[in-house]
């Protein structure tokens, strides 16, 4: 992946995430693979953080981000943006549900 963090710099408490497309394919207990094209998942998505903003201001103080570039995360909501041929999600830090260890 090209260094997208130099092309797109999220502002404030926003995070740029490259969705993990492979995680959308599901497999049933009997081994049947349900492809991504069957239906749109309304739940959380997983991906990798590729750029982060500086944080948000609260009472005049900067609250730094709790996620960093390279973190694998679960997230929901967000705006889909296209940079070149690649698609990313731009989400507020509050929409990041968890960091996957």
Protein backbone atom coordinates (compact mmCIF):
# COMPACT_ATOMS: atom_id res chain seq x y z
CA UNK A 1 0.00 0.00 0.00
CA UNK A 2 1.29 3.45 -0.87
CA UNK A 3 1.87 5.85 2.01
CA UNK A 4 -1.63 7.34 2.06
CA UNK A 5 -0.95 9.21 5.33
CA UNK A 6 1.05 11.77 3.32
CA UNK A 7 -1.78 12.29 0.81
CA UNK A 8 -4.74 12.46 3.23
CA UNK A 9 -4.44 13.97 6.70
CA UNK A 10 -7.59 13.56 8.80
CA UNK A 11 -8.57 16.58 10.87
CA UNK A 12 -9.32 16.64 14.59
CA UNK A 13 -10.56 13.27 15.90
CA UNK A 14 -11.01 11.58 12.54
CA UNK A 15 -9.38 8.32 11.44
CA UNK A 16 -8.78 7.02 7.91
CA UNK A 17 -9.32 3.25 7.70
CA UNK A 18 -8.70 0.75 4.89
CA UNK A 19 -11.45 -1.83 5.24
CA UNK A 20 -10.45 -5.48 5.42
CA UNK A 21 -12.50 -6.81 2.49
CA UNK A 22 -11.58 -10.46 3.15
CA UNK A 23 -13.29 -10.40 6.54
CA UNK A 24 -16.70 -9.91 4.91
CA UNK A 25 -16.83 -13.38 3.32
CA UNK A 26 -18.64 -15.79 5.61
CA UNK A 27 -18.55 -19.57 5.88
CA UNK A 28 -21.35 -21.69 7.35
CA UNK A 29 -20.75 -24.60 9.73
CA UNK A 30 -21.22 -27.05 6.88
CA UNK A 31 -18.55 -25.32 4.78
CA UNK A 32 -20.73 -23.27 2.42
CA UNK A 33 -19.09 -19.96 1.58
CA UNK A 34 -21.43 -16.97 1.40
CA UNK A 35 -19.82 -14.36 -0.88
CA UNK A 36 -19.64 -10.64 -0.14
CA UNK A 37 -22.13 -9.90 -2.93
CA UNK A 38 -25.07 -11.68 -1.26
CA UNK A 39 -26.00 -8.83 1.08
CA UNK A 40 -24.60 -5.70 2.64
CA UNK A 41 -23.51 -6.20 6.24
CA UNK A 42 -25.16 -3.62 8.51
CA UNK A 43 -22.90 -4.43 11.48
CA UNK A 44 -19.38 -3.41 12.30
CA UNK A 45 -16.52 -3.58 9.82
CA UNK A 46 -12.87 -4.34 10.38
CA UNK A 47 -9.86 -2.62 8.90
CA UNK A 48 -6.45 -1.06 9.37
CA UNK A 49 -5.84 2.53 10.46
CA UNK A 50 -3.81 4.28 7.74
CA UNK A 51 -3.92 7.91 9.00
CA UNK A 52 -5.10 9.73 12.14
CA UNK A 53 -5.85 13.30 13.13
CA UNK A 54 -4.25 15.06 16.10
CA UNK A 55 -7.23 14.61 18.43
CA UNK A 56 -10.16 16.66 19.70
CA UNK A 57 -10.25 19.75 21.85
CA UNK A 58 -12.18 19.67 25.11
CA UNK A 59 -12.23 22.76 27.35
CA UNK A 60 -9.30 24.16 25.36
CA UNK A 61 -7.11 21.08 25.91
CA UNK A 62 -6.08 18.66 23.16
CA UNK A 63 -7.22 15.09 23.87
CA UNK A 64 -4.83 12.89 21.83
CA UNK A 65 -6.01 9.97 19.72
CA UNK A 66 -6.08 6.50 21.28
CA UNK A 67 -5.54 4.72 17.94
CA UNK A 68 -2.45 4.87 15.78
CA UNK A 69 -1.41 4.02 12.24
CA UNK A 70 -1.22 0.25 11.77
CA UNK A 71 -3.86 -0.64 14.40
CA UNK A 72 -6.42 -3.27 13.33
CA UNK A 73 -9.83 -1.99 14.41
CA UNK A 74 -13.55 -2.70 14.41
CA UNK A 75 -15.57 0.34 13.35
CA UNK A 76 -19.00 1.42 12.24
CA UNK A 77 -20.38 4.31 10.25
CA UNK A 78 -18.16 6.70 8.38
CA UNK A 79 -17.82 8.32 5.01
CA UNK A 80 -16.43 6.26 2.16
CA UNK A 81 -13.72 8.17 0.27
CA UNK A 82 -11.79 7.17 -2.82
CA UNK A 83 -8.13 8.13 -3.21
CA UNK A 84 -6.81 7.04 -6.58
CA UNK A 85 -8.14 3.51 -7.06
CA UNK A 86 -8.36 2.70 -3.34
CA UNK A 87 -11.43 3.13 -1.09
CA UNK A 88 -11.19 4.13 2.55
CA UNK A 89 -13.51 5.06 5.41
CA UNK A 90 -13.15 8.39 7.20
CA UNK A 91 -14.65 7.99 10.69
CA UNK A 92 -14.63 9.83 13.99
CA UNK A 93 -12.59 8.15 16.70
CA UNK A 94 -15.83 7.58 18.63
CA UNK A 95 -17.02 5.25 15.85
CA UNK A 96 -14.02 2.95 16.40
CA UNK A 97 -15.43 0.19 18.57
CA UNK A 98 -12.27 -1.75 19.44
CA UNK A 99 -8.62 -2.30 18.64
CA UNK A 100 -7.94 -5.90 17.64
CA UNK A 101 -4.79 -7.27 19.34
